All heavy atoms as atom14 arrays in JSON, in Angstrom:
{
  "sequence": "KQFGKRAGAVVGHDSGIIVRTGARSGMIVGVTTLPGG",
  "atom14_mask": [
    [1, 1, 1, 1, 1, 1, 1, 1, 1, 0, 0, 0, 0, 0],
    [1, 1, 1, 1, 1, 1, 1, 1, 1, 0, 0, 0, 0, 0],
    [1, 1, 1, 1, 1, 1, 1, 1, 1, 1, 1, 0, 0, 0],
    [1, 1, 1, 1, 0, 0, 0, 0, 0, 0, 0, 0, 0, 0],
    [1, 1, 1, 1, 1, 1, 1, 1, 1, 0, 0, 0, 0, 0],
    [1, 1, 1, 1, 1, 1, 1, 1, 1, 1, 1, 0, 0, 0],
    [1, 1, 1, 1, 1, 0, 0, 0, 0, 0, 0, 0, 0, 0],
    [1, 1, 1, 1, 0, 0, 0, 0, 0, 0, 0, 0, 0, 0],
    [1, 1, 1, 1, 1, 0, 0, 0, 0, 0, 0, 0, 0, 0],
    [1, 1, 1, 1, 1, 1, 1, 0, 0, 0, 0, 0, 0, 0],
    [1, 1, 1, 1, 1, 1, 1, 0, 0, 0, 0, 0, 0, 0],
    [1, 1, 1, 1, 0, 0, 0, 0, 0, 0, 0, 0, 0, 0],
    [1, 1, 1, 1, 1, 1, 1, 1, 1, 1, 0, 0, 0, 0],
    [1, 1, 1, 1, 1, 1, 1, 1, 0, 0, 0, 0, 0, 0],
    [1, 1, 1, 1, 1, 1, 0, 0, 0, 0, 0, 0, 0, 0],
    [1, 1, 1, 1, 0, 0, 0, 0, 0, 0, 0, 0, 0, 0],
    [1, 1, 1, 1, 1, 1, 1, 1, 0, 0, 0, 0, 0, 0],
    [1, 1, 1, 1, 1, 1, 1, 1, 0, 0, 0, 0, 0, 0],
    [1, 1, 1, 1, 1, 1, 1, 0, 0, 0, 0, 0, 0, 0],
    [1, 1, 1, 1, 1, 1, 1, 1, 1, 1, 1, 0, 0, 0],
    [1, 1, 1, 1, 1, 1, 1, 0, 0, 0, 0, 0, 0, 0],
    [1, 1, 1, 1, 0, 0, 0, 0, 0, 0, 0, 0, 0, 0],
    [1, 1, 1, 1, 1, 0, 0, 0, 0, 0, 0, 0, 0, 0],
    [1, 1, 1, 1, 1, 1, 1, 1, 1, 1, 1, 0, 0, 0],
    [1, 1, 1, 1, 1, 1, 0, 0, 0, 0, 0, 0, 0, 0],
    [1, 1, 1, 1, 0, 0, 0, 0, 0, 0, 0, 0, 0, 0],
    [1, 1, 1, 1, 1, 1, 1, 1, 0, 0, 0, 0, 0, 0],
    [1, 1, 1, 1, 1, 1, 1, 1, 0, 0, 0, 0, 0, 0],
    [1, 1, 1, 1, 1, 1, 1, 0, 0, 0, 0, 0, 0, 0],
    [1, 1, 1, 1, 0, 0, 0, 0, 0, 0, 0, 0, 0, 0],
    [1, 1, 1, 1, 1, 1, 1, 0, 0, 0, 0, 0, 0, 0],
    [1, 1, 1, 1, 1, 1, 1, 0, 0, 0, 0, 0, 0, 0],
    [1, 1, 1, 1, 1, 1, 1, 0, 0, 0, 0, 0, 0, 0],
    [1, 1, 1, 1, 1, 1, 1, 1, 0, 0, 0, 0, 0, 0],
    [1, 1, 1, 1, 1, 1, 1, 0, 0, 0, 0, 0, 0, 0],
    [1, 1, 1, 1, 0, 0, 0, 0, 0, 0, 0, 0, 0, 0],
    [1, 1, 1, 1, 0, 0, 0, 0, 0, 0, 0, 0, 0, 0]
  ],
  "atom14_positions": [
    [[0.69, 2.81, -17.2], [0.1, 1.49, -17.61], [1.07, 0.46, -17.16], [2.29, 0.38, -17.23], [0.01, 1.43, -19.11], [-0.52, 0.12, -19.6], [-0.59, 0.14, -21.1], [-1.13, -1.39, -21.46], [-1.29, -1.51, -22.89], [0.0, 0.0, 0.0], [0.0, 0.0, 0.0], [0.0, 0.0, 0.0], [0.0, 0.0, 0.0], [0.0, 0.0, 0.0]],
    [[0.48, -0.55, -16.32], [1.14, -1.73, -15.9], [0.15, -2.8, -15.39], [-1.04, -2.46, -15.38], [2.1, -1.43, -14.71], [1.47, -0.75, -13.54], [2.44, -0.3, -12.38], [3.46, -0.56, -12.4], [1.85, 0.51, -11.55], [0.0, 0.0, 0.0], [0.0, 0.0, 0.0], [0.0, 0.0, 0.0], [0.0, 0.0, 0.0], [0.0, 0.0, 0.0]],
    [[0.6, -4.03, -15.3], [-0.34, -5.14, -14.97], [-1.43, -5.17, -15.99], [-2.57, -5.83, -15.8], [-1.07, -4.85, -13.61], [-0.18, -4.71, -12.47], [0.01, -3.48, -11.76], [0.7, -5.8, -12.03], [0.72, -3.35, -10.7], [1.61, -5.61, -10.93], [1.54, -4.45, -10.28], [0.0, 0.0, 0.0], [0.0, 0.0, 0.0], [0.0, 0.0, 0.0]],
    [[-1.12, -4.94, -17.35], [-2.11, -4.94, -18.27], [-3.36, -4.13, -18.17], [-4.22, -4.22, -18.93], [0.0, 0.0, 0.0], [0.0, 0.0, 0.0], [0.0, 0.0, 0.0], [0.0, 0.0, 0.0], [0.0, 0.0, 0.0], [0.0, 0.0, 0.0], [0.0, 0.0, 0.0], [0.0, 0.0, 0.0], [0.0, 0.0, 0.0], [0.0, 0.0, 0.0]],
    [[-3.15, -3.1, -17.39], [-4.24, -2.0, -17.23], [-3.71, -0.62, -17.35], [-2.57, -0.36, -17.19], [-4.76, -2.22, -15.83], [-5.48, -3.64, -15.64], [-6.2, -3.66, -14.25], [-6.76, -5.08, -14.07], [-7.6, -5.11, -12.85], [0.0, 0.0, 0.0], [0.0, 0.0, 0.0], [0.0, 0.0, 0.0], [0.0, 0.0, 0.0], [0.0, 0.0, 0.0]],
    [[-4.6, 0.25, -17.86], [-4.38, 1.54, -18.13], [-3.85, 2.47, -16.81], [-4.21, 2.02, -15.73], [-5.45, 2.23, -18.75], [-6.64, 2.38, -17.87], [-7.88, 3.21, -18.45], [-8.95, 3.05, -17.64], [-9.15, 3.77, -16.46], [-8.28, 4.48, -15.99], [-10.35, 3.57, -15.77], [0.0, 0.0, 0.0], [0.0, 0.0, 0.0], [0.0, 0.0, 0.0]],
    [[-3.28, 3.54, -17.11], [-3.07, 4.47, -15.97], [-4.37, 5.0, -15.4], [-5.31, 5.03, -16.04], [-2.24, 5.7, -16.55], [0.0, 0.0, 0.0], [0.0, 0.0, 0.0], [0.0, 0.0, 0.0], [0.0, 0.0, 0.0], [0.0, 0.0, 0.0], [0.0, 0.0, 0.0], [0.0, 0.0, 0.0], [0.0, 0.0, 0.0], [0.0, 0.0, 0.0]],
    [[-4.4, 5.02, -14.08], [-5.65, 5.42, -13.42], [-6.62, 4.23, -13.03], [-7.53, 4.5, -12.27], [0.0, 0.0, 0.0], [0.0, 0.0, 0.0], [0.0, 0.0, 0.0], [0.0, 0.0, 0.0], [0.0, 0.0, 0.0], [0.0, 0.0, 0.0], [0.0, 0.0, 0.0], [0.0, 0.0, 0.0], [0.0, 0.0, 0.0], [0.0, 0.0, 0.0]],
    [[-6.24, 2.98, -13.5], [-7.07, 1.81, -13.08], [-6.61, 1.36, -11.63], [-5.61, 1.41, -11.29], [-6.86, 0.66, -14.13], [0.0, 0.0, 0.0], [0.0, 0.0, 0.0], [0.0, 0.0, 0.0], [0.0, 0.0, 0.0], [0.0, 0.0, 0.0], [0.0, 0.0, 0.0], [0.0, 0.0, 0.0], [0.0, 0.0, 0.0], [0.0, 0.0, 0.0]],
    [[-7.67, 0.93, -10.96], [-7.39, 0.35, -9.6], [-6.84, -1.11, -9.87], [-7.29, -1.9, -10.61], [-8.66, 0.18, -8.72], [-8.39, -0.48, -7.45], [-9.34, 1.59, -8.5], [0.0, 0.0, 0.0], [0.0, 0.0, 0.0], [0.0, 0.0, 0.0], [0.0, 0.0, 0.0], [0.0, 0.0, 0.0], [0.0, 0.0, 0.0], [0.0, 0.0, 0.0]],
    [[-5.57, -1.33, -9.3], [-4.91, -2.53, -9.45], [-4.76, -3.36, -8.06], [-4.2, -4.48, -8.2], [-3.57, -2.33, -10.19], [-3.78, -1.94, -11.58], [-2.64, -1.39, -9.39], [0.0, 0.0, 0.0], [0.0, 0.0, 0.0], [0.0, 0.0, 0.0], [0.0, 0.0, 0.0], [0.0, 0.0, 0.0], [0.0, 0.0, 0.0], [0.0, 0.0, 0.0]],
    [[-5.04, -2.72, -7.08], [-4.89, -3.49, -5.81], [-5.34, -2.68, -4.55], [-5.92, -1.74, -4.65], [0.0, 0.0, 0.0], [0.0, 0.0, 0.0], [0.0, 0.0, 0.0], [0.0, 0.0, 0.0], [0.0, 0.0, 0.0], [0.0, 0.0, 0.0], [0.0, 0.0, 0.0], [0.0, 0.0, 0.0], [0.0, 0.0, 0.0], [0.0, 0.0, 0.0]],
    [[-4.7, -3.19, -3.44], [-5.11, -2.39, -2.12], [-3.99, -2.64, -1.12], [-3.13, -3.68, -1.38], [-6.42, -2.71, -1.54], [-6.61, -4.24, -1.35], [-6.2, -4.79, -0.13], [-7.16, -5.2, -2.08], [-6.43, -6.15, -0.26], [-6.97, -6.3, -1.3], [0.0, 0.0, 0.0], [0.0, 0.0, 0.0], [0.0, 0.0, 0.0], [0.0, 0.0, 0.0]],
    [[-3.84, -1.9, -0.18], [-2.9, -2.18, 0.92], [-3.54, -1.78, 2.24], [-4.58, -1.15, 2.36], [-1.59, -1.44, 0.66], [-1.74, 0.1, 0.79], [-2.64, 0.63, 1.31], [-0.67, 0.82, 0.44], [0.0, 0.0, 0.0], [0.0, 0.0, 0.0], [0.0, 0.0, 0.0], [0.0, 0.0, 0.0], [0.0, 0.0, 0.0], [0.0, 0.0, 0.0]],
    [[-2.97, -2.27, 3.33], [-3.44, -1.91, 4.65], [-2.19, -2.02, 5.5], [-1.28, -2.73, 5.26], [-4.52, -2.98, 4.97], [-4.06, -4.29, 5.05], [0.0, 0.0, 0.0], [0.0, 0.0, 0.0], [0.0, 0.0, 0.0], [0.0, 0.0, 0.0], [0.0, 0.0, 0.0], [0.0, 0.0, 0.0], [0.0, 0.0, 0.0], [0.0, 0.0, 0.0]],
    [[-2.36, -1.27, 6.56], [-1.17, -1.24, 7.46], [-1.63, -0.72, 8.95], [-2.64, 0.03, 9.13], [0.0, 0.0, 0.0], [0.0, 0.0, 0.0], [0.0, 0.0, 0.0], [0.0, 0.0, 0.0], [0.0, 0.0, 0.0], [0.0, 0.0, 0.0], [0.0, 0.0, 0.0], [0.0, 0.0, 0.0], [0.0, 0.0, 0.0], [0.0, 0.0, 0.0]],
    [[-0.82, -0.96, 9.9], [-0.96, -0.53, 11.19], [0.16, 0.34, 11.52], [1.35, -0.17, 11.51], [-1.0, -1.6, 12.23], [-2.32, -2.46, 11.93], [-1.13, -1.09, 13.71], [-2.44, -3.78, 12.91], [0.0, 0.0, 0.0], [0.0, 0.0, 0.0], [0.0, 0.0, 0.0], [0.0, 0.0, 0.0], [0.0, 0.0, 0.0], [0.0, 0.0, 0.0]],
    [[-0.1, 1.68, 11.98], [0.98, 2.59, 12.16], [0.82, 2.81, 13.7], [-0.25, 3.07, 14.26], [0.71, 4.03, 11.45], [0.74, 3.64, 9.9], [1.7, 4.86, 11.91], [0.17, 4.97, 9.2], [0.0, 0.0, 0.0], [0.0, 0.0, 0.0], [0.0, 0.0, 0.0], [0.0, 0.0, 0.0], [0.0, 0.0, 0.0], [0.0, 0.0, 0.0]],
    [[2.11, 2.9, 14.33], [2.17, 3.17, 15.81], [3.01, 4.4, 15.84], [4.2, 4.36, 15.37], [2.79, 2.01, 16.59], [2.94, 2.36, 18.14], [2.03, 0.75, 16.44], [0.0, 0.0, 0.0], [0.0, 0.0, 0.0], [0.0, 0.0, 0.0], [0.0, 0.0, 0.0], [0.0, 0.0, 0.0], [0.0, 0.0, 0.0], [0.0, 0.0, 0.0]],
    [[2.42, 5.46, 16.51], [3.17, 6.66, 16.6], [4.25, 6.55, 17.58], [4.04, 6.06, 18.64], [2.23, 7.8, 17.15], [2.67, 9.16, 17.19], [1.77, 10.2, 17.73], [0.84, 10.64, 16.66], [1.2, 11.56, 15.82], [2.4, 12.27, 15.92], [0.28, 11.95, 14.85], [0.0, 0.0, 0.0], [0.0, 0.0, 0.0], [0.0, 0.0, 0.0]],
    [[5.51, 6.97, 17.11], [6.57, 6.87, 18.15], [7.29, 8.21, 18.37], [8.16, 8.34, 19.08], [7.81, 6.16, 17.24], [8.09, 6.74, 16.07], [7.31, 4.58, 17.16], [0.0, 0.0, 0.0], [0.0, 0.0, 0.0], [0.0, 0.0, 0.0], [0.0, 0.0, 0.0], [0.0, 0.0, 0.0], [0.0, 0.0, 0.0], [0.0, 0.0, 0.0]],
    [[6.65, 9.36, 17.68], [7.1, 10.61, 17.86], [6.17, 11.55, 17.41], [5.11, 11.2, 16.7], [0.0, 0.0, 0.0], [0.0, 0.0, 0.0], [0.0, 0.0, 0.0], [0.0, 0.0, 0.0], [0.0, 0.0, 0.0], [0.0, 0.0, 0.0], [0.0, 0.0, 0.0], [0.0, 0.0, 0.0], [0.0, 0.0, 0.0], [0.0, 0.0, 0.0]],
    [[6.48, 12.93, 17.48], [5.58, 13.98, 17.07], [5.37, 13.89, 15.53], [4.17, 14.22, 15.01], [6.03, 15.32, 17.44], [0.0, 0.0, 0.0], [0.0, 0.0, 0.0], [0.0, 0.0, 0.0], [0.0, 0.0, 0.0], [0.0, 0.0, 0.0], [0.0, 0.0, 0.0], [0.0, 0.0, 0.0], [0.0, 0.0, 0.0], [0.0, 0.0, 0.0]],
    [[6.35, 13.4, 14.91], [6.37, 13.4, 13.37], [6.72, 12.11, 12.72], [7.16, 11.93, 11.68], [7.19, 14.46, 12.75], [6.7, 15.88, 13.19], [7.53, 16.9, 12.58], [6.99, 18.21, 12.92], [7.63, 19.31, 12.7], [8.64, 19.34, 12.05], [6.95, 20.43, 12.98], [0.0, 0.0, 0.0], [0.0, 0.0, 0.0], [0.0, 0.0, 0.0]],
    [[6.72, 10.97, 13.59], [7.23, 9.81, 13.22], [6.34, 8.59, 13.74], [5.66, 8.76, 14.68], [8.73, 9.53, 13.58], [8.78, 9.58, 14.99], [0.0, 0.0, 0.0], [0.0, 0.0, 0.0], [0.0, 0.0, 0.0], [0.0, 0.0, 0.0], [0.0, 0.0, 0.0], [0.0, 0.0, 0.0], [0.0, 0.0, 0.0], [0.0, 0.0, 0.0]],
    [[6.54, 7.44, 12.98], [5.84, 6.23, 13.56], [6.45, 5.02, 12.89], [7.47, 4.99, 12.17], [0.0, 0.0, 0.0], [0.0, 0.0, 0.0], [0.0, 0.0, 0.0], [0.0, 0.0, 0.0], [0.0, 0.0, 0.0], [0.0, 0.0, 0.0], [0.0, 0.0, 0.0], [0.0, 0.0, 0.0], [0.0, 0.0, 0.0], [0.0, 0.0, 0.0]],
    [[5.98, 3.81, 13.27], [6.35, 2.49, 12.68], [5.13, 1.87, 11.96], [4.03, 2.11, 12.58], [6.9, 1.58, 13.9], [8.09, 2.08, 14.55], [9.57, 2.02, 13.59], [9.85, 0.29, 13.19], [0.0, 0.0, 0.0], [0.0, 0.0, 0.0], [0.0, 0.0, 0.0], [0.0, 0.0, 0.0], [0.0, 0.0, 0.0], [0.0, 0.0, 0.0]],
    [[5.46, 1.24, 10.88], [4.35, 0.72, 10.13], [4.6, -0.84, 9.82], [5.78, -1.13, 9.5], [4.02, 1.52, 8.91], [2.73, 0.94, 8.15], [5.22, 1.48, 7.87], [2.2, 1.91, 7.01], [0.0, 0.0, 0.0], [0.0, 0.0, 0.0], [0.0, 0.0, 0.0], [0.0, 0.0, 0.0], [0.0, 0.0, 0.0], [0.0, 0.0, 0.0]],
    [[3.63, -1.57, 9.85], [3.68, -2.98, 9.43], [2.39, -3.15, 8.35], [1.34, -2.7, 8.88], [3.49, -3.97, 10.49], [3.48, -5.33, 9.96], [4.73, -3.83, 11.38], [0.0, 0.0, 0.0], [0.0, 0.0, 0.0], [0.0, 0.0, 0.0], [0.0, 0.0, 0.0], [0.0, 0.0, 0.0], [0.0, 0.0, 0.0], [0.0, 0.0, 0.0]],
    [[2.79, -3.62, 7.2], [1.54, -3.62, 6.24], [1.86, -4.65, 5.22], [2.91, -5.36, 5.1], [0.0, 0.0, 0.0], [0.0, 0.0, 0.0], [0.0, 0.0, 0.0], [0.0, 0.0, 0.0], [0.0, 0.0, 0.0], [0.0, 0.0, 0.0], [0.0, 0.0, 0.0], [0.0, 0.0, 0.0], [0.0, 0.0, 0.0], [0.0, 0.0, 0.0]],
    [[0.73, -4.77, 4.35], [0.71, -5.69, 3.3], [0.0, -4.96, 2.05], [-1.06, -4.29, 2.31], [-0.01, -7.02, 3.63], [-1.47, -6.84, 3.9], [0.17, -8.12, 2.69], [0.0, 0.0, 0.0], [0.0, 0.0, 0.0], [0.0, 0.0, 0.0], [0.0, 0.0, 0.0], [0.0, 0.0, 0.0], [0.0, 0.0, 0.0], [0.0, 0.0, 0.0]],
    [[0.59, -5.39, 0.83], [0.05, -4.89, -0.34], [-0.48, -6.04, -1.05], [0.28, -7.02, -1.2], [1.1, -3.99, -1.2], [1.47, -2.91, -0.34], [0.55, -3.48, -2.42], [0.0, 0.0, 0.0], [0.0, 0.0, 0.0], [0.0, 0.0, 0.0], [0.0, 0.0, 0.0], [0.0, 0.0, 0.0], [0.0, 0.0, 0.0], [0.0, 0.0, 0.0]],
    [[-1.61, -5.91, -1.73], [-2.16, -6.97, -2.6], [-2.22, -6.4, -4.1], [-2.87, -5.31, -4.28], [-3.6, -7.45, -2.22], [-3.47, -7.92, -0.92], [-4.07, -8.52, -3.12], [0.0, 0.0, 0.0], [0.0, 0.0, 0.0], [0.0, 0.0, 0.0], [0.0, 0.0, 0.0], [0.0, 0.0, 0.0], [0.0, 0.0, 0.0], [0.0, 0.0, 0.0]],
    [[-1.53, -6.96, -5.02], [-1.34, -6.64, -6.29], [-1.66, -7.73, -7.17], [-1.59, -8.96, -6.65], [-0.18, -5.93, -6.6], [0.35, -4.65, -6.02], [1.76, -4.33, -6.24], [-0.65, -3.58, -6.56], [0.0, 0.0, 0.0], [0.0, 0.0, 0.0], [0.0, 0.0, 0.0], [0.0, 0.0, 0.0], [0.0, 0.0, 0.0], [0.0, 0.0, 0.0]],
    [[-1.85, -7.64, -8.52], [-2.07, -8.89, -9.36], [-0.85, -9.82, -9.17], [0.25, -9.31, -9.33], [-2.13, -8.31, -10.76], [-2.76, -6.77, -10.55], [-2.08, -6.34, -9.23], [0.0, 0.0, 0.0], [0.0, 0.0, 0.0], [0.0, 0.0, 0.0], [0.0, 0.0, 0.0], [0.0, 0.0, 0.0], [0.0, 0.0, 0.0], [0.0, 0.0, 0.0]],
    [[-1.22, -11.05, -8.9], [-0.04, -11.95, -8.7], [0.44, -12.3, -7.41], [1.11, -13.19, -7.17], [0.0, 0.0, 0.0], [0.0, 0.0, 0.0], [0.0, 0.0, 0.0], [0.0, 0.0, 0.0], [0.0, 0.0, 0.0], [0.0, 0.0, 0.0], [0.0, 0.0, 0.0], [0.0, 0.0, 0.0], [0.0, 0.0, 0.0], [0.0, 0.0, 0.0]],
    [[-0.13, -11.58, -6.37], [0.27, -11.91, -4.97], [0.29, -10.67, -3.93], [-0.25, -9.71, -4.35], [0.0, 0.0, 0.0], [0.0, 0.0, 0.0], [0.0, 0.0, 0.0], [0.0, 0.0, 0.0], [0.0, 0.0, 0.0], [0.0, 0.0, 0.0], [0.0, 0.0, 0.0], [0.0, 0.0, 0.0], [0.0, 0.0, 0.0], [0.0, 0.0, 0.0]]
  ]
}
């Protein structure tokens, strides 16, 4: 429970761009949207 909502409630979303830099690695740039910003 957080943001005034129960566990299991959808509270936001995120998105990102991953660029593969190796067989098991990458670089990511992203943004998360949650209540408040």
